[in-house]
């Protein structure tokens, strides 16, 4: 996957779930780069804010968008890595 594809998928997910992507373009770029590096390193787009253990079953929840992102957005207004934020 390339950065443009990842950005498009993230935008679609945000729109579908009534979130928005982080408006800070430099932070957004850091997160996208981290996701792509994890894909290159581990073969999956694991959230850069999560620790990859190597246990596929355990790590499956850490693939972006991670298992916890909706709960975190509801509680904090953003997911842990701040890729997605609450719409105003």
N, C-alpha and C. Protein backbone atom coordinates (compact mmCIF):
# COMPACT_ATOMS: atom_id res chain seq x y z
N UNK A 1 0.85 -1.16 0.00
CA UNK A 1 0.00 0.00 0.00
C UNK A 1 0.91 1.24 0.00
N UNK A 2 0.45 2.30 -0.63
CA UNK A 2 1.22 3.54 -0.60
C UNK A 2 0.49 4.58 0.24
N UNK A 3 1.13 5.72 0.46
CA UNK A 3 0.57 6.73 1.36
C UNK A 3 -0.77 7.27 0.85
N UNK A 4 -0.88 7.47 -0.45
CA UNK A 4 -2.13 7.99 -1.01
C UNK A 4 -3.27 7.00 -0.76
N UNK A 5 -3.04 5.72 -0.98
CA UNK A 5 -4.07 4.71 -0.74
C UNK A 5 -4.46 4.66 0.74
N UNK A 6 -3.46 4.71 1.61
CA UNK A 6 -3.72 4.68 3.04
C UNK A 6 -4.52 5.90 3.48
N UNK A 7 -4.17 7.05 2.96
CA UNK A 7 -4.91 8.27 3.28
C UNK A 7 -6.36 8.16 2.81
N UNK A 8 -6.57 7.66 1.60
CA UNK A 8 -7.93 7.49 1.08
C UNK A 8 -8.75 6.53 1.94
N UNK A 9 -8.15 5.40 2.33
CA UNK A 9 -8.85 4.44 3.19
C UNK A 9 -9.18 5.07 4.54
N UNK A 10 -8.26 5.82 5.09
CA UNK A 10 -8.48 6.48 6.38
C UNK A 10 -9.58 7.53 6.27
N UNK A 11 -9.58 8.28 5.20
CA UNK A 11 -10.62 9.28 4.98
C UNK A 11 -12.00 8.63 4.86
N UNK A 12 -12.08 7.53 4.12
CA UNK A 12 -13.35 6.81 3.96
C UNK A 12 -13.84 6.28 5.31
N UNK A 13 -12.93 5.73 6.09
CA UNK A 13 -13.31 5.21 7.41
C UNK A 13 -13.80 6.34 8.30
N UNK A 14 -13.09 7.45 8.29
CA UNK A 14 -13.49 8.60 9.10
C UNK A 14 -14.88 9.10 8.69
N UNK A 15 -15.10 9.25 7.42
CA UNK A 15 -16.38 9.75 6.93
C UNK A 15 -17.52 8.78 7.28
N UNK A 16 -17.30 7.50 7.07
CA UNK A 16 -18.31 6.48 7.36
C UNK A 16 -18.70 6.48 8.84
N UNK A 17 -17.75 6.76 9.70
CA UNK A 17 -18.00 6.70 11.15
C UNK A 17 -18.19 8.08 11.79
N UNK A 18 -18.30 9.10 10.95
CA UNK A 18 -18.51 10.47 11.41
C UNK A 18 -17.37 10.98 12.30
N UNK A 19 -16.15 10.60 11.93
CA UNK A 19 -14.95 11.13 12.55
C UNK A 19 -14.33 12.08 11.53
N UNK A 20 -13.18 12.61 11.89
CA UNK A 20 -12.38 13.33 10.90
C UNK A 20 -10.93 12.94 11.14
N UNK A 21 -10.12 13.16 10.14
CA UNK A 21 -8.68 12.93 10.30
C UNK A 21 -8.07 14.11 11.03
N UNK A 22 -6.98 13.85 11.70
CA UNK A 22 -6.28 14.90 12.42
C UNK A 22 -5.99 16.07 11.47
N UNK A 23 -6.43 17.28 11.82
CA UNK A 23 -6.20 18.42 10.92
C UNK A 23 -4.76 18.90 10.89
N UNK A 24 -3.94 18.46 11.83
CA UNK A 24 -2.52 18.82 11.85
C UNK A 24 -1.81 17.97 10.81
N UNK A 25 -1.52 18.56 9.68
CA UNK A 25 -0.94 17.81 8.54
C UNK A 25 0.40 17.16 8.87
N UNK A 26 1.22 17.81 9.70
CA UNK A 26 2.51 17.21 10.03
C UNK A 26 2.31 15.97 10.91
N UNK A 27 1.37 16.03 11.85
CA UNK A 27 1.10 14.86 12.69
C UNK A 27 0.46 13.75 11.85
N UNK A 28 -0.46 14.11 11.00
CA UNK A 28 -1.11 13.14 10.12
C UNK A 28 -0.05 12.42 9.28
N UNK A 29 0.89 13.16 8.75
CA UNK A 29 1.97 12.60 7.95
C UNK A 29 2.82 11.63 8.77
N UNK A 30 3.12 11.98 10.02
CA UNK A 30 3.90 11.10 10.90
C UNK A 30 3.17 9.78 11.14
N UNK A 31 1.87 9.85 11.38
CA UNK A 31 1.09 8.65 11.64
C UNK A 31 1.03 7.78 10.38
N UNK A 32 0.76 8.37 9.25
CA UNK A 32 0.71 7.60 8.00
C UNK A 32 2.05 6.93 7.72
N UNK A 33 3.15 7.66 7.93
CA UNK A 33 4.48 7.08 7.73
C UNK A 33 4.71 5.92 8.69
N UNK A 34 4.28 6.08 9.94
CA UNK A 34 4.42 5.01 10.93
C UNK A 34 3.62 3.77 10.54
N UNK A 35 2.43 3.97 10.05
CA UNK A 35 1.60 2.85 9.59
C UNK A 35 2.28 2.12 8.43
N UNK A 36 2.81 2.88 7.50
CA UNK A 36 3.48 2.28 6.34
C UNK A 36 4.77 1.56 6.74
N UNK A 37 5.49 2.13 7.69
CA UNK A 37 6.71 1.46 8.18
C UNK A 37 6.34 0.14 8.86
N UNK A 38 5.26 0.14 9.64
CA UNK A 38 4.83 -1.11 10.28
C UNK A 38 4.38 -2.14 9.26
N UNK A 39 3.74 -1.67 8.19
CA UNK A 39 3.35 -2.61 7.14
C UNK A 39 4.59 -3.23 6.50
N UNK A 40 5.59 -2.41 6.26
CA UNK A 40 6.84 -2.89 5.66
C UNK A 40 7.55 -3.88 6.61
N UNK A 41 7.57 -3.54 7.87
CA UNK A 41 8.30 -4.33 8.87
C UNK A 41 7.55 -5.62 9.27
N UNK A 42 6.22 -5.50 9.46
CA UNK A 42 5.44 -6.61 10.01
C UNK A 42 4.43 -7.23 9.04
N UNK A 43 4.20 -6.57 7.90
CA UNK A 43 3.24 -7.09 6.94
C UNK A 43 1.81 -6.66 7.20
N UNK A 44 1.60 -5.81 8.19
CA UNK A 44 0.27 -5.27 8.53
C UNK A 44 0.43 -3.80 8.90
N UNK A 45 -0.65 -3.04 8.74
CA UNK A 45 -0.61 -1.62 9.10
C UNK A 45 -1.00 -1.47 10.58
N UNK A 46 -0.10 -1.93 11.43
CA UNK A 46 -0.33 -1.81 12.87
C UNK A 46 -0.22 -0.35 13.28
N UNK A 47 -1.10 0.05 14.19
CA UNK A 47 -1.05 1.41 14.73
C UNK A 47 0.34 1.66 15.33
N UNK A 48 0.95 2.78 15.00
CA UNK A 48 2.28 3.07 15.53
C UNK A 48 2.28 3.34 17.04
N UNK A 49 1.11 3.54 17.62
CA UNK A 49 1.02 3.80 19.05
C UNK A 49 0.86 2.52 19.86
N UNK A 50 0.82 1.38 19.20
CA UNK A 50 0.64 0.08 19.87
C UNK A 50 1.93 -0.73 19.77
N UNK A 51 2.14 -1.61 20.73
CA UNK A 51 3.31 -2.47 20.74
C UNK A 51 2.96 -3.78 20.03
N UNK A 52 3.69 -4.09 18.99
CA UNK A 52 3.51 -5.32 18.24
C UNK A 52 4.30 -6.42 18.94
N UNK A 53 3.60 -7.51 19.30
CA UNK A 53 4.24 -8.57 20.08
C UNK A 53 4.76 -9.72 19.23
N UNK A 54 4.23 -9.85 18.02
CA UNK A 54 4.57 -10.99 17.18
C UNK A 54 3.53 -12.10 17.28
N UNK A 55 2.63 -11.99 18.25
CA UNK A 55 1.52 -12.93 18.39
C UNK A 55 0.39 -12.45 17.48
N UNK A 56 0.20 -13.12 16.34
CA UNK A 56 -0.77 -12.67 15.32
C UNK A 56 -2.17 -12.49 15.89
N UNK A 57 -2.61 -13.42 16.73
CA UNK A 57 -3.96 -13.32 17.30
C UNK A 57 -4.09 -12.09 18.19
N UNK A 58 -3.10 -11.86 19.03
CA UNK A 58 -3.12 -10.71 19.93
C UNK A 58 -2.95 -9.41 19.16
N UNK A 59 -2.08 -9.40 18.18
CA UNK A 59 -1.77 -8.19 17.42
C UNK A 59 -2.85 -7.81 16.42
N UNK A 60 -3.75 -8.72 16.09
CA UNK A 60 -4.80 -8.42 15.11
C UNK A 60 -5.61 -7.19 15.51
N UNK A 61 -5.84 -7.01 16.81
CA UNK A 61 -6.59 -5.85 17.30
C UNK A 61 -5.85 -4.54 17.08
N UNK A 62 -4.56 -4.61 16.79
CA UNK A 62 -3.72 -3.42 16.67
C UNK A 62 -3.60 -2.92 15.22
N UNK A 63 -4.27 -3.61 14.30
CA UNK A 63 -4.26 -3.17 12.90
C UNK A 63 -5.17 -1.95 12.78
N UNK A 64 -4.68 -0.92 12.14
CA UNK A 64 -5.41 0.33 12.00
C UNK A 64 -6.56 0.18 11.02
N UNK A 65 -7.75 0.66 11.36
CA UNK A 65 -8.12 1.27 12.62
C UNK A 65 -8.22 0.20 13.72
N UNK A 66 -7.57 0.46 14.81
CA UNK A 66 -7.45 -0.54 15.87
C UNK A 66 -8.79 -0.79 16.57
N UNK A 67 -8.82 -1.86 17.30
CA UNK A 67 -10.00 -2.30 18.02
C UNK A 67 -10.53 -1.23 18.98
N UNK A 68 -9.66 -0.43 19.55
CA UNK A 68 -10.02 0.52 20.60
C UNK A 68 -10.33 1.92 20.11
N UNK A 69 -10.16 2.22 18.83
CA UNK A 69 -10.22 3.61 18.37
C UNK A 69 -11.57 4.28 18.62
N UNK A 70 -12.68 3.59 18.42
CA UNK A 70 -14.00 4.22 18.63
C UNK A 70 -14.21 4.56 20.10
N UNK A 71 -13.82 3.66 20.97
CA UNK A 71 -13.93 3.88 22.41
C UNK A 71 -13.07 5.08 22.84
N UNK A 72 -11.86 5.15 22.31
CA UNK A 72 -10.96 6.26 22.66
C UNK A 72 -11.49 7.59 22.13
N UNK A 73 -12.03 7.60 20.93
CA UNK A 73 -12.58 8.84 20.36
C UNK A 73 -13.75 9.32 21.20
N UNK A 74 -14.59 8.39 21.61
CA UNK A 74 -15.73 8.75 22.45
C UNK A 74 -15.27 9.33 23.79
N UNK A 75 -14.25 8.72 24.38
CA UNK A 75 -13.78 9.13 25.70
C UNK A 75 -12.88 10.37 25.67
N UNK A 76 -11.92 10.40 24.72
CA UNK A 76 -10.91 11.46 24.71
C UNK A 76 -11.07 12.48 23.58
N UNK A 77 -11.91 12.17 22.59
CA UNK A 77 -12.05 13.05 21.44
C UNK A 77 -11.10 12.71 20.30
N UNK A 78 -10.27 11.68 20.52
CA UNK A 78 -9.33 11.23 19.49
C UNK A 78 -8.87 9.83 19.85
N UNK A 79 -8.37 9.11 18.86
CA UNK A 79 -7.79 7.80 19.16
C UNK A 79 -6.39 8.01 19.71
N UNK A 80 -5.80 6.96 20.24
CA UNK A 80 -4.51 7.08 20.92
C UNK A 80 -3.42 7.71 20.05
N UNK A 81 -3.35 7.30 18.78
CA UNK A 81 -2.30 7.85 17.91
C UNK A 81 -2.70 9.20 17.32
N UNK A 82 -3.96 9.56 17.50
CA UNK A 82 -4.52 10.83 17.01
C UNK A 82 -4.66 10.89 15.49
N UNK A 83 -4.80 9.73 14.87
CA UNK A 83 -5.11 9.72 13.43
C UNK A 83 -6.54 10.21 13.24
N UNK A 84 -7.45 9.67 14.05
CA UNK A 84 -8.86 10.03 13.95
C UNK A 84 -9.25 10.91 15.14
N UNK A 85 -10.09 11.91 14.87
CA UNK A 85 -10.60 12.77 15.93
C UNK A 85 -12.11 12.88 15.81
N UNK A 86 -12.71 13.33 16.88
CA UNK A 86 -14.16 13.50 16.91
C UNK A 86 -14.54 14.66 15.99
N UNK A 87 -15.63 14.47 15.25
CA UNK A 87 -16.16 15.59 14.46
C UNK A 87 -16.85 16.55 15.40
N UNK A 88 -16.77 17.82 15.09
CA UNK A 88 -17.40 18.82 15.96
C UNK A 88 -18.83 19.04 15.59
